[in-house]
Amino acid sequence: MSISNFAVPGIFVFVLIYGLIKKIDVFAEFIEGVKDGLKTVLDIFPSLFALILAVGMFRSSGGMEFLSALLKPVADGAGFPAEVIPLVMLRPFSGSGAIALFENILNSVGADSFAGRVSSVILGSSETTFYTIAVYFAATKVKKTRHALPAALSGDLAAAVFSTLAVRWLL
């Protein structure tokens, strides 16, 4: 048996003992935390719902395939694998959608292919930008994102470019 088997129960017991020593009603504090958590969920839910709906509509409408076809000549000229274009477009919006595309890339071209390796690095070095902004800004009630979105999308673009360069250099 490892220590990890006892980590969560140990923390639970520690909190209970600490509450007893400090004379804190641990259950009442727990209930207050749950109430605050539910308020946060209610604040975040509309943004998440809109984001998930928009991503679903974009994929179902064929918009992703259309944009991928438009960007393919540019990607080919830059040495970027065309199979990875949909992943780069979807990753800022949906982590689970990006994982599904990643699995499709690996199944179609193989894990050891250039596109498979580039997509692996992109998935590990980029962020679900719109999801993160929707969740964190809604939770903190920030209304003006100003430079956050352009900076984050620049980071996602840099992840795609430098992932390609790193795989090409290390392959």
N, C-alpha and C. Protein backbone atom coordinates (compact mmCIF):
# COMPACT_ATOMS: atom_id res chain seq x y z
N MET A 1 0.84 -1.18 0.00
CA MET A 1 0.00 0.00 0.00
C MET A 1 0.89 1.24 0.00
N SER A 2 0.48 2.21 -0.79
CA SER A 2 1.28 3.43 -0.87
C SER A 2 0.61 4.54 -0.06
N ILE A 3 1.37 5.59 0.12
CA ILE A 3 0.87 6.75 0.89
C ILE A 3 -0.31 7.42 0.19
N SER A 4 -0.37 7.29 -1.14
CA SER A 4 -1.47 7.93 -1.87
C SER A 4 -2.82 7.34 -1.50
N ASN A 5 -2.86 6.10 -1.04
CA ASN A 5 -4.12 5.49 -0.62
C ASN A 5 -4.68 6.17 0.63
N PHE A 6 -3.79 6.80 1.40
CA PHE A 6 -4.21 7.42 2.66
C PHE A 6 -4.27 8.95 2.58
N ALA A 7 -3.94 9.54 1.43
CA ALA A 7 -3.87 10.99 1.32
C ALA A 7 -5.22 11.67 1.59
N VAL A 8 -6.25 11.29 0.85
CA VAL A 8 -7.55 11.94 1.01
C VAL A 8 -8.16 11.64 2.38
N PRO A 9 -8.19 10.38 2.82
CA PRO A 9 -8.72 10.14 4.17
C PRO A 9 -7.90 10.86 5.25
N GLY A 10 -6.59 10.95 5.05
CA GLY A 10 -5.74 11.66 6.01
C GLY A 10 -6.06 13.14 6.09
N ILE A 11 -6.27 13.76 4.94
CA ILE A 11 -6.65 15.18 4.92
C ILE A 11 -8.01 15.37 5.58
N PHE A 12 -8.93 14.48 5.30
CA PHE A 12 -10.27 14.54 5.89
C PHE A 12 -10.19 14.46 7.42
N VAL A 13 -9.42 13.52 7.93
CA VAL A 13 -9.26 13.36 9.38
C VAL A 13 -8.56 14.59 9.97
N PHE A 14 -7.54 15.09 9.28
CA PHE A 14 -6.83 16.28 9.75
C PHE A 14 -7.77 17.47 9.89
N VAL A 15 -8.63 17.68 8.90
CA VAL A 15 -9.58 18.80 8.94
C VAL A 15 -10.56 18.63 10.10
N LEU A 16 -11.04 17.42 10.31
CA LEU A 16 -11.96 17.17 11.43
C LEU A 16 -11.28 17.43 12.78
N ILE A 17 -10.06 16.94 12.94
CA ILE A 17 -9.34 17.14 14.20
C ILE A 17 -9.03 18.63 14.41
N TYR A 18 -8.60 19.30 13.35
CA TYR A 18 -8.30 20.73 13.42
C TYR A 18 -9.56 21.51 13.83
N GLY A 19 -10.71 21.14 13.23
CA GLY A 19 -11.97 21.79 13.57
C GLY A 19 -12.36 21.57 15.03
N LEU A 20 -12.11 20.37 15.53
CA LEU A 20 -12.39 20.09 16.94
C LEU A 20 -11.50 20.92 17.87
N ILE A 21 -10.23 21.00 17.52
CA ILE A 21 -9.28 21.76 18.35
C ILE A 21 -9.65 23.24 18.36
N LYS A 22 -9.99 23.79 17.18
CA LYS A 22 -10.32 25.22 17.07
C LYS A 22 -11.78 25.51 17.38
N LYS A 23 -12.55 24.47 17.71
CA LYS A 23 -13.98 24.62 18.03
C LYS A 23 -14.77 25.24 16.87
N ILE A 24 -14.54 24.68 15.68
CA ILE A 24 -15.22 25.13 14.47
C ILE A 24 -16.25 24.06 14.09
N ASP A 25 -17.45 24.51 13.72
CA ASP A 25 -18.47 23.58 13.23
C ASP A 25 -18.12 23.23 11.78
N VAL A 26 -17.41 22.13 11.61
CA VAL A 26 -16.89 21.75 10.30
C VAL A 26 -18.03 21.49 9.32
N PHE A 27 -19.09 20.84 9.78
CA PHE A 27 -20.22 20.55 8.89
C PHE A 27 -20.87 21.84 8.38
N ALA A 28 -21.07 22.81 9.26
CA ALA A 28 -21.68 24.08 8.84
C ALA A 28 -20.79 24.80 7.84
N GLU A 29 -19.49 24.76 8.05
CA GLU A 29 -18.54 25.37 7.10
C GLU A 29 -18.58 24.65 5.76
N PHE A 30 -18.71 23.33 5.81
CA PHE A 30 -18.81 22.54 4.58
C PHE A 30 -20.06 22.95 3.80
N ILE A 31 -21.19 23.08 4.49
CA ILE A 31 -22.44 23.47 3.84
C ILE A 31 -22.31 24.86 3.22
N GLU A 32 -21.66 25.80 3.91
CA GLU A 32 -21.43 27.14 3.35
C GLU A 32 -20.57 27.06 2.08
N GLY A 33 -19.58 26.21 2.10
CA GLY A 33 -18.73 26.03 0.92
C GLY A 33 -19.49 25.47 -0.26
N VAL A 34 -20.39 24.53 0.01
CA VAL A 34 -21.21 23.97 -1.06
C VAL A 34 -22.13 25.05 -1.64
N LYS A 35 -22.72 25.88 -0.76
CA LYS A 35 -23.58 26.98 -1.24
C LYS A 35 -22.80 27.94 -2.14
N ASP A 36 -21.59 28.30 -1.71
CA ASP A 36 -20.76 29.20 -2.53
C ASP A 36 -20.39 28.54 -3.85
N GLY A 37 -20.10 27.24 -3.81
CA GLY A 37 -19.77 26.52 -5.04
C GLY A 37 -20.92 26.49 -6.01
N LEU A 38 -22.13 26.28 -5.51
CA LEU A 38 -23.31 26.28 -6.37
C LEU A 38 -23.57 27.65 -6.97
N LYS A 39 -23.32 28.71 -6.21
CA LYS A 39 -23.46 30.06 -6.76
C LYS A 39 -22.48 30.28 -7.91
N THR A 40 -21.26 29.78 -7.73
CA THR A 40 -20.26 29.91 -8.78
C THR A 40 -20.68 29.14 -10.03
N VAL A 41 -21.21 27.93 -9.83
CA VAL A 41 -21.70 27.14 -10.97
C VAL A 41 -22.80 27.89 -11.71
N LEU A 42 -23.71 28.48 -10.98
CA LEU A 42 -24.79 29.24 -11.62
C LEU A 42 -24.27 30.47 -12.37
N ASP A 43 -23.21 31.08 -11.87
CA ASP A 43 -22.61 32.23 -12.55
C ASP A 43 -21.90 31.80 -13.84
N ILE A 44 -21.27 30.64 -13.81
CA ILE A 44 -20.45 30.18 -14.93
C ILE A 44 -21.29 29.49 -16.01
N PHE A 45 -22.37 28.84 -15.63
CA PHE A 45 -23.13 27.99 -16.55
C PHE A 45 -23.55 28.67 -17.85
N PRO A 46 -24.11 29.88 -17.85
CA PRO A 46 -24.53 30.48 -19.14
C PRO A 46 -23.37 30.62 -20.14
N SER A 47 -22.20 31.02 -19.66
CA SER A 47 -21.05 31.17 -20.55
C SER A 47 -20.63 29.83 -21.12
N LEU A 48 -20.59 28.82 -20.28
CA LEU A 48 -20.19 27.49 -20.74
C LEU A 48 -21.20 26.92 -21.73
N PHE A 49 -22.47 27.10 -21.43
CA PHE A 49 -23.52 26.60 -22.32
C PHE A 49 -23.40 27.25 -23.70
N ALA A 50 -23.22 28.56 -23.73
CA ALA A 50 -23.09 29.27 -25.01
C ALA A 50 -21.86 28.80 -25.78
N LEU A 51 -20.76 28.59 -25.07
CA LEU A 51 -19.53 28.13 -25.71
C LEU A 51 -19.69 26.74 -26.30
N ILE A 52 -20.27 25.82 -25.54
CA ILE A 52 -20.47 24.45 -26.02
C ILE A 52 -21.43 24.43 -27.20
N LEU A 53 -22.47 25.22 -27.13
CA LEU A 53 -23.43 25.31 -28.23
C LEU A 53 -22.77 25.84 -29.50
N ALA A 54 -21.97 26.90 -29.37
CA ALA A 54 -21.31 27.49 -30.53
C ALA A 54 -20.33 26.51 -31.17
N VAL A 55 -19.57 25.79 -30.37
CA VAL A 55 -18.62 24.81 -30.91
C VAL A 55 -19.37 23.70 -31.63
N GLY A 56 -20.45 23.21 -31.03
CA GLY A 56 -21.24 22.17 -31.68
C GLY A 56 -21.83 22.63 -33.01
N MET A 57 -22.33 23.86 -33.05
CA MET A 57 -22.89 24.38 -34.29
C MET A 57 -21.81 24.55 -35.36
N PHE A 58 -20.63 25.04 -34.96
CA PHE A 58 -19.54 25.25 -35.91
C PHE A 58 -19.10 23.93 -36.53
N ARG A 59 -18.96 22.91 -35.70
CA ARG A 59 -18.54 21.60 -36.21
C ARG A 59 -19.62 20.96 -37.07
N SER A 60 -20.88 21.04 -36.63
CA SER A 60 -21.98 20.41 -37.37
C SER A 60 -22.26 21.09 -38.70
N SER A 61 -22.01 22.38 -38.78
CA SER A 61 -22.31 23.12 -40.00
C SER A 61 -21.29 22.90 -41.11
N GLY A 62 -20.17 22.27 -40.78
CA GLY A 62 -19.13 22.08 -41.77
C GLY A 62 -18.15 23.24 -41.83
N GLY A 63 -18.29 24.18 -40.90
CA GLY A 63 -17.40 25.34 -40.87
C GLY A 63 -15.95 24.96 -40.66
N MET A 64 -15.71 23.95 -39.83
CA MET A 64 -14.32 23.55 -39.57
C MET A 64 -13.68 22.98 -40.83
N GLU A 65 -14.41 22.14 -41.55
CA GLU A 65 -13.88 21.56 -42.78
C GLU A 65 -13.63 22.64 -43.83
N PHE A 66 -14.54 23.61 -43.91
CA PHE A 66 -14.40 24.71 -44.86
C PHE A 66 -13.15 25.53 -44.57
N LEU A 67 -12.97 25.93 -43.29
CA LEU A 67 -11.79 26.71 -42.92
C LEU A 67 -10.51 25.90 -43.09
N SER A 68 -10.56 24.62 -42.78
CA SER A 68 -9.38 23.76 -42.96
C SER A 68 -8.97 23.71 -44.42
N ALA A 69 -9.94 23.60 -45.31
CA ALA A 69 -9.65 23.56 -46.75
C ALA A 69 -9.05 24.89 -47.21
N LEU A 70 -9.56 26.01 -46.66
CA LEU A 70 -9.01 27.32 -47.02
C LEU A 70 -7.57 27.50 -46.54
N LEU A 71 -7.29 26.97 -45.36
CA LEU A 71 -5.96 27.15 -44.76
C LEU A 71 -4.94 26.12 -45.22
N LYS A 72 -5.37 25.05 -45.89
CA LYS A 72 -4.46 23.99 -46.30
C LYS A 72 -3.30 24.48 -47.17
N PRO A 73 -3.54 25.32 -48.19
CA PRO A 73 -2.40 25.78 -48.99
C PRO A 73 -1.38 26.59 -48.17
N VAL A 74 -1.87 27.39 -47.24
CA VAL A 74 -0.97 28.18 -46.38
C VAL A 74 -0.17 27.24 -45.49
N ALA A 75 -0.84 26.25 -44.92
CA ALA A 75 -0.17 25.30 -44.04
C ALA A 75 0.88 24.49 -44.81
N ASP A 76 0.52 24.05 -46.01
CA ASP A 76 1.48 23.29 -46.83
C ASP A 76 2.71 24.13 -47.15
N GLY A 77 2.49 25.40 -47.48
CA GLY A 77 3.61 26.29 -47.79
C GLY A 77 4.50 26.56 -46.59
N ALA A 78 3.92 26.54 -45.39
CA ALA A 78 4.69 26.80 -44.18
C ALA A 78 5.29 25.53 -43.59
N GLY A 79 5.00 24.38 -44.17
CA GLY A 79 5.52 23.13 -43.64
C GLY A 79 4.73 22.61 -42.44
N PHE A 80 3.51 23.10 -42.27
CA PHE A 80 2.66 22.67 -41.17
C PHE A 80 1.77 21.54 -41.67
N PRO A 81 1.64 20.46 -40.92
CA PRO A 81 0.83 19.34 -41.39
C PRO A 81 -0.65 19.71 -41.48
N ALA A 82 -1.22 19.54 -42.65
CA ALA A 82 -2.61 19.94 -42.88
C ALA A 82 -3.59 19.16 -42.01
N GLU A 83 -3.23 17.94 -41.62
CA GLU A 83 -4.12 17.13 -40.78
C GLU A 83 -4.36 17.75 -39.41
N VAL A 84 -3.46 18.63 -38.99
CA VAL A 84 -3.50 19.20 -37.65
C VAL A 84 -4.28 20.53 -37.61
N ILE A 85 -4.62 21.08 -38.76
CA ILE A 85 -5.34 22.37 -38.81
C ILE A 85 -6.62 22.34 -37.98
N PRO A 86 -7.49 21.32 -38.13
CA PRO A 86 -8.70 21.32 -37.30
C PRO A 86 -8.41 21.30 -35.80
N LEU A 87 -7.35 20.60 -35.40
CA LEU A 87 -6.98 20.56 -33.98
C LEU A 87 -6.58 21.95 -33.49
N VAL A 88 -5.81 22.67 -34.29
CA VAL A 88 -5.38 24.02 -33.91
C VAL A 88 -6.59 24.95 -33.80
N MET A 89 -7.58 24.77 -34.68
CA MET A 89 -8.76 25.62 -34.64
C MET A 89 -9.68 25.28 -33.47
N LEU A 90 -9.80 24.01 -33.13
CA LEU A 90 -10.75 23.60 -32.09
C LEU A 90 -10.18 23.69 -30.69
N ARG A 91 -8.87 23.52 -30.53
CA ARG A 91 -8.25 23.47 -29.21
C ARG A 91 -8.58 24.69 -28.34
N PRO A 92 -8.58 25.92 -28.86
CA PRO A 92 -8.92 27.06 -27.99
C PRO A 92 -10.36 27.03 -27.48
N PHE A 93 -11.22 26.25 -28.11
CA PHE A 93 -12.62 26.22 -27.74
C PHE A 93 -13.00 25.03 -26.87
N SER A 94 -12.46 23.85 -27.18
CA SER A 94 -12.94 22.63 -26.54
C SER A 94 -11.82 21.63 -26.32
N GLY A 95 -11.58 21.30 -25.08
CA GLY A 95 -10.57 20.30 -24.76
C GLY A 95 -11.00 18.91 -25.18
N SER A 96 -12.25 18.55 -24.90
CA SER A 96 -12.73 17.22 -25.26
C SER A 96 -12.84 17.06 -26.77
N GLY A 97 -13.28 18.11 -27.46
CA GLY A 97 -13.32 18.06 -28.92
C GLY A 97 -11.94 17.92 -29.51
N ALA A 98 -10.96 18.62 -28.92
CA ALA A 98 -9.58 18.53 -29.38
C ALA A 98 -9.03 17.12 -29.16
N ILE A 99 -9.38 16.50 -28.06
CA ILE A 99 -8.92 15.12 -27.80
C ILE A 99 -9.51 14.17 -28.83
N ALA A 100 -10.78 14.38 -29.19
CA ALA A 100 -11.41 13.53 -30.21
C ALA A 100 -10.71 13.71 -31.55
N LEU A 101 -10.41 14.95 -31.93
CA LEU A 101 -9.68 15.19 -33.18
C LEU A 101 -8.27 14.59 -33.12
N PHE A 102 -7.64 14.72 -31.97
CA PHE A 102 -6.31 14.15 -31.78
C PHE A 102 -6.35 12.64 -32.00
N GLU A 103 -7.35 11.98 -31.45
CA GLU A 103 -7.49 10.53 -31.64
C GLU A 103 -7.68 10.20 -33.12
N ASN A 104 -8.47 11.01 -33.82
CA ASN A 104 -8.67 10.79 -35.26
C ASN A 104 -7.36 10.95 -36.03
N ILE A 105 -6.58 11.95 -35.65
CA ILE A 105 -5.29 12.17 -36.32
C ILE A 105 -4.39 10.95 -36.11
N LEU A 106 -4.30 10.48 -34.87
CA LEU A 106 -3.45 9.33 -34.58
C LEU A 106 -3.93 8.08 -35.30
N ASN A 107 -5.25 7.90 -35.39
CA ASN A 107 -5.79 6.73 -36.09
C ASN A 107 -5.57 6.80 -37.59
N SER A 108 -5.59 7.99 -38.15
CA SER A 108 -5.47 8.12 -39.61
C SER A 108 -4.03 8.18 -40.10
N VAL A 109 -3.14 8.85 -39.39
CA VAL A 109 -1.76 8.98 -39.89
C VAL A 109 -0.73 8.31 -39.00
N GLY A 110 -1.12 7.88 -37.82
CA GLY A 110 -0.21 7.17 -36.92
C GLY A 110 0.45 8.09 -35.91
N ALA A 111 0.76 7.52 -34.76
CA ALA A 111 1.35 8.29 -33.67
C ALA A 111 2.78 8.73 -33.95
N ASP A 112 3.50 7.96 -34.75
CA ASP A 112 4.89 8.30 -35.03
C ASP A 112 5.07 9.14 -36.29
N SER A 113 3.96 9.53 -36.91
CA SER A 113 4.06 10.39 -38.09
C SER A 113 4.36 11.82 -37.65
N PHE A 114 4.74 12.65 -38.60
CA PHE A 114 5.02 14.05 -38.31
C PHE A 114 3.76 14.73 -37.75
N ALA A 115 2.61 14.50 -38.41
CA ALA A 115 1.36 15.11 -37.95
C ALA A 115 0.97 14.58 -36.57
N GLY A 116 1.18 13.31 -36.31
CA GLY A 116 0.86 12.73 -35.01
C GLY A 116 1.70 13.33 -33.90
N ARG A 117 2.97 13.51 -34.19
CA ARG A 117 3.85 14.10 -33.18
C ARG A 117 3.55 15.58 -32.95
N VAL A 118 3.32 16.31 -34.03
CA VAL A 118 3.00 17.74 -33.89
C VAL A 118 1.70 17.90 -33.11
N SER A 119 0.69 17.10 -33.43
CA SER A 119 -0.58 17.21 -32.71
C SER A 119 -0.41 16.85 -31.24
N SER A 120 0.45 15.90 -30.93
CA SER A 120 0.72 15.54 -29.53
C SER A 120 1.32 16.72 -28.77
N VAL A 121 2.28 17.38 -29.39
CA VAL A 121 2.94 18.51 -28.74
C VAL A 121 1.97 19.69 -28.60
N ILE A 122 1.18 19.94 -29.63
CA ILE A 122 0.20 21.03 -29.57
C ILE A 122 -0.80 20.79 -28.45
N LEU A 123 -1.28 19.56 -28.34
CA LEU A 123 -2.26 19.25 -27.31
C LEU A 123 -1.69 19.47 -25.92
N GLY A 124 -0.41 19.20 -25.76
CA GLY A 124 0.22 19.38 -24.45
C GLY A 124 0.71 20.79 -24.18
N SER A 125 0.79 21.63 -25.20
CA SER A 125 1.37 22.96 -24.98
C SER A 125 0.41 24.10 -25.25
N SER A 126 -0.84 23.79 -25.51
CA SER A 126 -1.82 24.85 -25.74
C SER A 126 -2.94 24.75 -24.71
N GLU A 127 -3.83 25.72 -24.74
CA GLU A 127 -4.87 25.83 -23.72
C GLU A 127 -6.23 25.95 -24.38
N THR A 128 -7.25 25.58 -23.65
CA THR A 128 -8.62 25.80 -24.10
C THR A 128 -8.98 27.24 -23.73
N THR A 129 -8.50 28.15 -24.53
CA THR A 129 -8.52 29.58 -24.23
C THR A 129 -9.91 30.12 -23.94
N PHE A 130 -10.85 29.88 -24.84
CA PHE A 130 -12.19 30.44 -24.66
C PHE A 130 -12.89 29.84 -23.45
N TYR A 131 -12.68 28.54 -23.23
CA TYR A 131 -13.25 27.89 -22.05
C TYR A 131 -12.67 28.51 -20.78
N THR A 132 -11.36 28.68 -20.74
CA THR A 132 -10.70 29.24 -19.57
C THR A 132 -11.17 30.67 -19.30
N ILE A 133 -11.24 31.47 -20.35
CA ILE A 133 -11.71 32.84 -20.19
C ILE A 133 -13.16 32.86 -19.73
N ALA A 134 -14.00 32.01 -20.33
CA ALA A 134 -15.41 31.97 -19.93
C ALA A 134 -15.56 31.58 -18.47
N VAL A 135 -14.83 30.57 -18.04
CA VAL A 135 -14.97 30.09 -16.67
C VAL A 135 -14.39 31.08 -15.67
N TYR A 136 -13.15 31.47 -15.85
CA TYR A 136 -12.49 32.30 -14.85
C TYR A 136 -13.02 33.73 -14.82
N PHE A 137 -13.31 34.30 -15.97
CA PHE A 137 -13.82 35.66 -15.97
C PHE A 137 -15.26 35.70 -15.46
N ALA A 138 -16.05 34.66 -15.75
CA ALA A 138 -17.41 34.61 -15.21
C ALA A 138 -17.37 34.41 -13.70
N ALA A 139 -16.45 33.58 -13.23
CA ALA A 139 -16.36 33.32 -11.78
C ALA A 139 -15.92 34.56 -11.02
N THR A 140 -15.05 35.35 -11.62
CA THR A 140 -14.55 36.56 -10.94
C THR A 140 -15.34 37.80 -11.34
N LYS A 141 -16.35 37.60 -12.19
CA LYS A 141 -17.23 38.68 -12.64
C LYS A 141 -16.49 39.78 -13.42
N VAL A 142 -15.44 39.39 -14.12
CA VAL A 142 -14.72 40.32 -14.98
C VAL A 142 -15.50 40.43 -16.28
N LYS A 143 -15.83 41.64 -16.68
CA LYS A 143 -16.63 41.86 -17.90
C LYS A 143 -15.76 42.25 -19.09
N LYS A 144 -14.70 42.98 -18.85
CA LYS A 144 -13.84 43.46 -19.93
C LYS A 144 -12.57 42.63 -19.97
N THR A 145 -12.47 41.81 -21.02
CA THR A 145 -11.30 40.94 -21.14
C THR A 145 -10.11 41.65 -21.78
N ARG A 146 -10.34 42.77 -22.41
CA ARG A 146 -9.32 43.60 -23.06
C ARG A 146 -8.26 42.79 -23.78
N HIS A 147 -7.10 42.70 -23.22
CA HIS A 147 -5.97 42.09 -23.90
C HIS A 147 -5.82 40.60 -23.61
N ALA A 148 -6.65 40.06 -22.74
CA ALA A 148 -6.51 38.65 -22.36
C ALA A 148 -6.72 37.72 -23.55
N LEU A 149 -7.76 37.95 -24.32
CA LEU A 149 -8.05 37.07 -25.45
C LEU A 149 -6.99 37.15 -26.54
N PRO A 150 -6.60 38.34 -27.01
CA PRO A 150 -5.54 38.38 -28.03
C PRO A 150 -4.22 37.77 -27.53
N ALA A 151 -3.88 38.00 -26.28
CA ALA A 151 -2.64 37.44 -25.74
C ALA A 151 -2.72 35.92 -25.67
N ALA A 152 -3.85 35.40 -25.22
CA ALA A 152 -4.00 33.96 -25.11
C ALA A 152 -4.02 33.29 -26.48
N LEU A 153 -4.70 33.90 -27.45
CA LEU A 153 -4.72 33.34 -28.80
C LEU A 153 -3.35 33.41 -29.46
N SER A 154 -2.59 34.45 -29.14
CA SER A 154 -1.20 34.52 -29.62
C SER A 154 -0.38 33.37 -29.05
N GLY A 155 -0.63 33.04 -27.79
CA GLY A 155 0.04 31.90 -27.17
C GLY A 155 -0.34 30.59 -27.84
N ASP A 156 -1.62 30.44 -28.22
CA ASP A 156 -2.05 29.24 -28.92
C ASP A 156 -1.41 29.13 -30.29
N LEU A 157 -1.32 30.26 -30.99
CA LEU A 157 -0.65 30.27 -32.30
C LEU A 157 0.83 29.94 -32.15
N ALA A 158 1.46 30.51 -31.14
CA ALA A 158 2.87 30.20 -30.88
C ALA A 158 3.06 28.73 -30.56
N ALA A 159 2.10 28.14 -29.83
CA ALA A 159 2.18 26.70 -29.52
C ALA A 159 2.16 25.88 -30.80
N ALA A 160 1.31 26.26 -31.76
CA ALA A 160 1.24 25.53 -33.03
C ALA A 160 2.53 25.68 -33.83
N VAL A 161 3.02 26.90 -33.92
CA VAL A 161 4.24 27.16 -34.71
C VAL A 161 5.45 26.47 -34.08
N PHE A 162 5.63 26.68 -32.79
CA PHE A 162 6.82 26.13 -32.14
C PHE A 162 6.73 24.61 -31.94
N SER A 163 5.52 24.07 -31.87
CA SER A 163 5.38 22.61 -31.82
C SER A 163 5.87 22.01 -33.13
N THR A 164 5.48 22.64 -34.23
CA THR A 164 5.92 22.16 -35.53
C THR A 164 7.44 22.26 -35.65
N LEU A 165 7.99 23.40 -35.26
CA LEU A 165 9.44 23.58 -35.33
C LEU A 165 10.18 22.61 -34.42
N ALA A 166 9.69 22.40 -33.23
CA ALA A 166 10.35 21.50 -32.28
C ALA A 166 10.34 20.05 -32.80
N VAL A 167 9.19 19.63 -33.31
CA VAL A 167 9.12 18.25 -33.84
C VAL A 167 10.02 18.11 -35.05
N ARG A 168 10.02 19.12 -35.93
CA ARG A 168 10.89 19.04 -37.11
C ARG A 168 12.36 19.01 -36.70
N TRP A 169 12.71 19.79 -35.70
CA TRP A 169 14.10 19.86 -35.23
C TRP A 169 14.52 18.57 -34.51
N LEU A 170 13.62 18.01 -33.72
CA LEU A 170 13.96 16.84 -32.93
C LEU A 170 13.70 15.51 -33.63
N LEU A 171 13.00 15.52 -34.76
CA LEU A 171 12.66 14.29 -35.48
C LEU A 171 13.80 13.76 -36.28
